[in-house]
Amino acid sequence: MTSCHLLNLSVIERSLRNVQENFGQLNARLDERRDPLVDLVRNNMLAGYALIDRCVNEGVDLFDLQQVDRLLEINTTVLCGTSRERRQEYANHVAATEARFFHNEHGVRDLLEWYDMHRKESVWKRAAGVFVRILSKPQLFIEGNHRSASLIASFLLLREGLPPFVLTVDNAVAYFNPASVVRRVPKKGIRALFQLPKIRKRYAELMLAESRPEFLLPLRNGAGAGKHDRDRRRQGCGN
């Protein structure tokens, strides 16, 4: 079986470049200033989108206990890209992240348990909930939680035949500002009970509003972008 791309990576890249070019103006509107979106970060994010594209193509379930190492690979990709040299350079950091991911009380097992409890909810709520769960305190990874969380949420959307969430000039402020709050809220406790559901709802609404079919490639039969057959996504794209 020959795999194919589901994501329109060139359109995604244009969107990220546009954010990069306008980041100074966007940063002035954020509750907390963020580091500029440099070429390395943009390229690593594109590699991350390509990775979730392959995962959906291959029928991988990132929330299967046997496949969770792919979640860790997403984080490594947004930090190091696909460069073997860069991965070797940051080998100690990658190892520390792996230890935190697998052995921390609020590591991957916590994320899998949360997902299993919310499995029957809409994909928008699940994607937003996973995003918030990864970002809330303590965060799942040592670094790159925002980027990794958006890719993992995008995987859930893409698996359902929906466009991924991609940062744009229009949605950047609505994306970054609630995240500044989330990362200070513990996963458990009174604050979590009152604050996290509200923020999760905001992200679910944002992902739905920003569901842009141009981030998907059109069907081969010309039926139009954003209308991929879901069974074909699960089984691969053609023979």
Protein backbone atom coordinates (compact mmCIF):
# COMPACT_ATOMS: atom_id res chain seq x y z
CA MET A 1 0.00 0.00 0.00
CA THR A 2 1.38 3.42 -0.96
CA SER A 3 0.93 6.22 1.51
CA CYS A 4 -0.03 9.75 0.59
CA HIS A 5 -0.11 13.11 2.29
CA LEU A 6 -3.34 14.32 3.86
CA LEU A 7 -2.04 17.72 4.93
CA ASN A 8 -1.31 20.59 2.59
CA LEU A 9 2.07 21.33 4.09
CA SER A 10 2.81 24.20 1.70
CA VAL A 11 -0.32 26.08 2.84
CA ILE A 12 0.52 25.36 6.46
CA GLU A 13 4.01 26.72 5.89
CA ARG A 14 2.61 29.91 4.34
CA SER A 15 0.42 30.45 7.38
CA LEU A 16 3.36 29.99 9.76
CA ARG A 17 5.54 32.32 7.67
CA ASN A 18 2.81 34.94 7.80
CA VAL A 19 2.70 34.67 11.60
CA GLN A 20 6.49 34.89 11.66
CA GLU A 21 6.51 38.05 9.56
CA ASN A 22 3.87 39.72 11.73
CA PHE A 23 5.02 38.41 15.09
CA GLY A 24 6.20 41.75 16.38
CA GLN A 25 2.72 43.24 16.07
CA LEU A 26 1.09 40.11 17.46
CA ASN A 27 3.46 39.99 20.41
CA ALA A 28 2.41 43.49 21.45
CA ARG A 29 -1.18 42.22 21.83
CA LEU A 30 -0.31 39.22 24.01
CA ASP A 31 -0.78 39.13 27.77
CA GLU A 32 2.75 37.73 28.02
CA ARG A 33 5.45 38.39 25.45
CA ARG A 34 6.75 35.33 23.65
CA ASP A 35 9.99 34.52 21.87
CA PRO A 36 9.91 35.29 18.12
CA LEU A 37 8.87 32.56 15.71
CA VAL A 38 12.26 31.93 14.11
CA ASP A 39 13.02 29.79 11.05
CA LEU A 40 14.13 26.82 13.16
CA VAL A 41 10.88 26.74 15.12
CA ARG A 42 8.81 27.07 11.95
CA ASN A 43 10.69 24.29 10.18
CA ASN A 44 10.45 21.98 13.17
CA MET A 45 6.69 22.59 13.37
CA LEU A 46 6.38 21.64 9.70
CA ALA A 47 8.28 18.45 10.45
CA GLY A 48 5.81 17.87 13.28
CA TYR A 49 2.83 18.26 10.96
CA ALA A 50 4.45 15.83 8.53
CA LEU A 51 4.86 13.40 11.44
CA ILE A 52 1.19 13.45 12.47
CA ASP A 53 0.30 13.16 8.78
CA ARG A 54 2.24 9.88 8.65
CA CYS A 55 0.71 8.67 11.90
CA VAL A 56 -2.83 9.08 10.54
CA ASN A 57 -1.80 7.51 7.23
CA GLU A 58 -0.39 4.48 9.02
CA GLY A 59 -3.39 4.07 11.31
CA VAL A 60 -1.35 4.83 14.44
CA ASP A 61 -3.32 5.58 17.61
CA LEU A 62 -1.19 7.94 19.68
CA PHE A 63 -3.39 7.20 22.70
CA ASP A 64 -2.75 3.47 22.57
CA LEU A 65 -0.34 2.53 25.35
CA GLN A 66 1.76 0.62 22.81
CA GLN A 67 2.18 3.74 20.64
CA VAL A 68 2.75 6.52 23.18
CA ASP A 69 6.43 6.77 22.28
CA ARG A 70 5.13 8.61 19.19
CA LEU A 71 3.88 11.38 21.49
CA LEU A 72 7.40 11.73 22.80
CA GLU A 73 8.70 11.80 19.22
CA ILE A 74 6.39 14.73 18.46
CA ASN A 75 8.00 16.72 21.26
CA THR A 76 11.51 15.77 20.11
CA THR A 77 10.60 16.85 16.59
CA VAL A 78 9.35 20.32 17.57
CA LEU A 79 12.55 20.87 19.56
CA CYS A 80 15.15 19.22 17.32
CA GLY A 81 13.49 18.62 13.97
CA THR A 82 14.72 15.59 12.07
CA SER A 83 18.41 16.49 12.27
CA ARG A 84 20.44 13.60 13.66
CA GLU A 85 23.21 15.99 14.69
CA ARG A 86 20.84 18.24 16.65
CA ARG A 87 19.27 15.25 18.37
CA GLN A 88 22.69 14.01 19.41
CA GLU A 89 23.54 17.48 20.69
CA TYR A 90 20.42 17.52 22.87
CA ALA A 91 20.58 13.84 23.84
CA ASN A 92 20.68 14.58 27.58
CA HIS A 93 17.65 16.87 27.31
CA VAL A 94 15.74 14.26 25.30
CA ALA A 95 16.59 11.61 27.91
CA ALA A 96 15.42 13.87 30.74
CA THR A 97 12.17 14.55 28.90
CA GLU A 98 11.64 10.83 28.40
CA ALA A 99 12.09 10.18 32.12
CA ARG A 100 9.59 12.93 32.96
CA PHE A 101 7.17 11.66 30.31
CA PHE A 102 7.09 8.03 31.49
CA HIS A 103 7.83 8.21 35.22
CA ASN A 104 6.30 11.45 36.49
CA GLU A 105 3.02 11.20 38.38
CA HIS A 106 1.48 13.62 35.89
CA GLY A 107 3.22 12.15 32.85
CA VAL A 108 1.77 10.23 29.95
CA ARG A 109 -0.30 7.89 32.11
CA ASP A 110 -2.23 10.88 33.45
CA LEU A 111 -2.90 12.05 29.88
CA LEU A 112 -4.07 8.59 28.77
CA GLU A 113 -6.37 8.28 31.78
CA TRP A 114 -7.89 11.70 31.06
CA TYR A 115 -8.41 10.81 27.41
CA ASP A 116 -10.02 7.47 28.24
CA MET A 117 -12.53 9.19 30.55
CA HIS A 118 -13.49 11.66 27.79
CA ARG A 119 -13.31 9.31 24.82
CA LYS A 120 -17.02 9.61 24.03
CA GLU A 121 -17.04 13.41 23.81
CA SER A 122 -16.86 15.33 20.55
CA VAL A 123 -13.48 15.48 18.83
CA TRP A 124 -13.37 19.26 19.41
CA LYS A 125 -13.73 18.79 23.17
CA ARG A 126 -11.22 15.94 23.21
CA ALA A 127 -8.66 17.87 21.17
CA ALA A 128 -9.07 20.98 23.31
CA GLY A 129 -8.97 18.91 26.48
CA VAL A 130 -5.76 17.17 25.48
CA PHE A 131 -4.23 20.54 24.66
CA VAL A 132 -5.17 21.93 28.08
CA ARG A 133 -4.13 18.76 29.90
CA ILE A 134 -0.64 18.89 28.38
CA LEU A 135 -0.19 22.59 29.19
CA SER A 136 -1.58 22.63 32.72
CA LYS A 137 0.77 22.37 35.69
CA PRO A 138 2.94 20.31 35.72
CA GLN A 139 3.33 20.28 31.95
CA LEU A 140 3.84 16.99 30.14
CA PHE A 141 7.19 17.89 28.59
CA ILE A 142 10.16 19.95 29.80
CA GLU A 143 9.97 22.29 26.79
CA GLY A 144 7.87 22.76 23.67
CA ASN A 145 4.53 22.01 25.32
CA HIS A 146 2.49 24.57 23.33
CA ARG A 147 3.76 23.30 19.99
CA SER A 148 3.56 19.64 20.92
CA ALA A 149 0.04 20.03 22.34
CA SER A 150 -1.24 21.76 19.20
CA LEU A 151 0.17 18.95 17.03
CA ILE A 152 -1.31 16.22 19.22
CA ALA A 153 -4.68 18.00 19.17
CA SER A 154 -4.34 18.32 15.39
CA PHE A 155 -3.72 14.56 15.15
CA LEU A 156 -7.10 13.93 16.79
CA LEU A 157 -8.83 16.29 14.36
CA LEU A 158 -7.05 14.90 11.32
CA ARG A 159 -7.91 11.34 12.28
CA GLU A 160 -11.58 12.34 12.10
CA GLY A 161 -11.17 13.80 8.62
CA LEU A 162 -10.99 17.38 9.92
CA PRO A 163 -8.38 20.07 9.25
CA PRO A 164 -5.60 20.48 11.79
CA PHE A 165 -5.26 23.49 14.03
CA VAL A 166 -2.63 25.81 12.53
CA LEU A 167 -1.40 29.09 13.94
CA THR A 168 -2.49 32.09 11.86
CA VAL A 169 -2.32 35.86 12.21
CA ASP A 170 -6.05 35.82 12.96
CA ASN A 171 -6.01 33.22 15.73
CA ALA A 172 -2.60 33.80 17.38
CA VAL A 173 -3.84 36.05 20.20
CA ALA A 174 -6.79 33.78 21.02
CA TYR A 175 -4.37 30.83 21.01
CA PHE A 176 -1.59 32.27 23.18
CA ASN A 177 -3.44 34.31 25.82
CA PRO A 178 -5.46 31.52 27.49
CA ALA A 179 -2.35 29.33 27.42
CA SER A 180 -0.62 31.84 29.68
CA VAL A 181 -3.28 31.09 32.28
CA VAL A 182 -3.41 27.32 31.73
CA ARG A 183 0.26 26.72 32.42
CA ARG A 184 -0.17 28.15 35.94
CA VAL A 185 -3.21 26.07 36.83
CA PRO A 186 -2.56 22.69 38.52
CA LYS A 187 -4.14 19.66 36.88
CA LYS A 188 -6.00 18.86 40.09
CA GLY A 189 -7.60 20.94 42.82
CA ILE A 190 -10.16 23.71 43.20
CA ARG A 191 -8.57 25.99 40.58
CA ALA A 192 -8.59 23.18 38.05
CA LEU A 193 -12.26 22.45 38.67
CA PHE A 194 -13.27 26.06 38.11
CA GLN A 195 -10.81 27.32 35.49
CA LEU A 196 -9.79 24.48 33.21
CA PRO A 197 -13.27 23.55 31.89
CA LYS A 198 -13.87 27.16 30.85
CA ILE A 199 -10.54 27.40 29.06
CA ARG A 200 -11.08 24.02 27.45
CA LYS A 201 -14.40 25.27 26.08
CA ARG A 202 -12.68 28.36 24.64
CA TYR A 203 -10.11 26.21 22.87
CA ALA A 204 -12.76 23.84 21.53
CA GLU A 205 -14.62 26.84 20.10
CA LEU A 206 -11.39 28.25 18.67
CA MET A 207 -10.46 24.98 16.97
CA LEU A 208 -13.92 24.69 15.48
CA ALA A 209 -13.93 28.30 14.28
CA GLU A 210 -10.43 27.91 12.81
CA SER A 211 -11.15 24.63 11.02
CA ARG A 212 -9.80 25.62 7.60
CA PRO A 213 -10.16 23.11 4.75
CA GLU A 214 -7.26 24.69 2.84
CA PHE A 215 -4.91 22.95 5.29
CA LEU A 216 -6.02 19.62 3.80
CA LEU A 217 -5.16 18.38 0.34
CA PRO A 218 -8.10 17.86 -2.06
CA LEU A 219 -9.36 14.38 -2.77
CA ARG A 220 -7.78 12.66 -5.73
CA ASN A 221 -11.19 12.37 -7.39
CA GLY A 222 -11.61 16.14 -7.27
CA ALA A 223 -14.35 16.18 -4.65
CA GLY A 224 -12.70 19.14 -2.96
CA ALA A 225 -10.45 19.99 -0.07
CA GLY A 226 -11.39 19.01 3.44
CA LYS A 227 -13.65 16.09 2.47
CA HIS A 228 -11.29 13.14 2.79
CA ASP A 229 -12.97 9.80 3.24
CA ARG A 230 -12.52 8.80 6.88
CA ASP A 231 -12.14 5.09 6.15
CA ARG A 232 -9.41 5.86 3.67
CA ARG A 233 -7.63 7.91 6.32
CA ARG A 234 -7.64 4.97 8.69
CA GLN A 235 -6.53 2.45 6.07
CA GLY A 236 -4.03 4.56 4.12
CA CYS A 237 -4.48 6.44 0.85
CA GLY A 238 -4.95 4.19 -2.10
CA ASN A 239 -3.05 1.21 -3.47
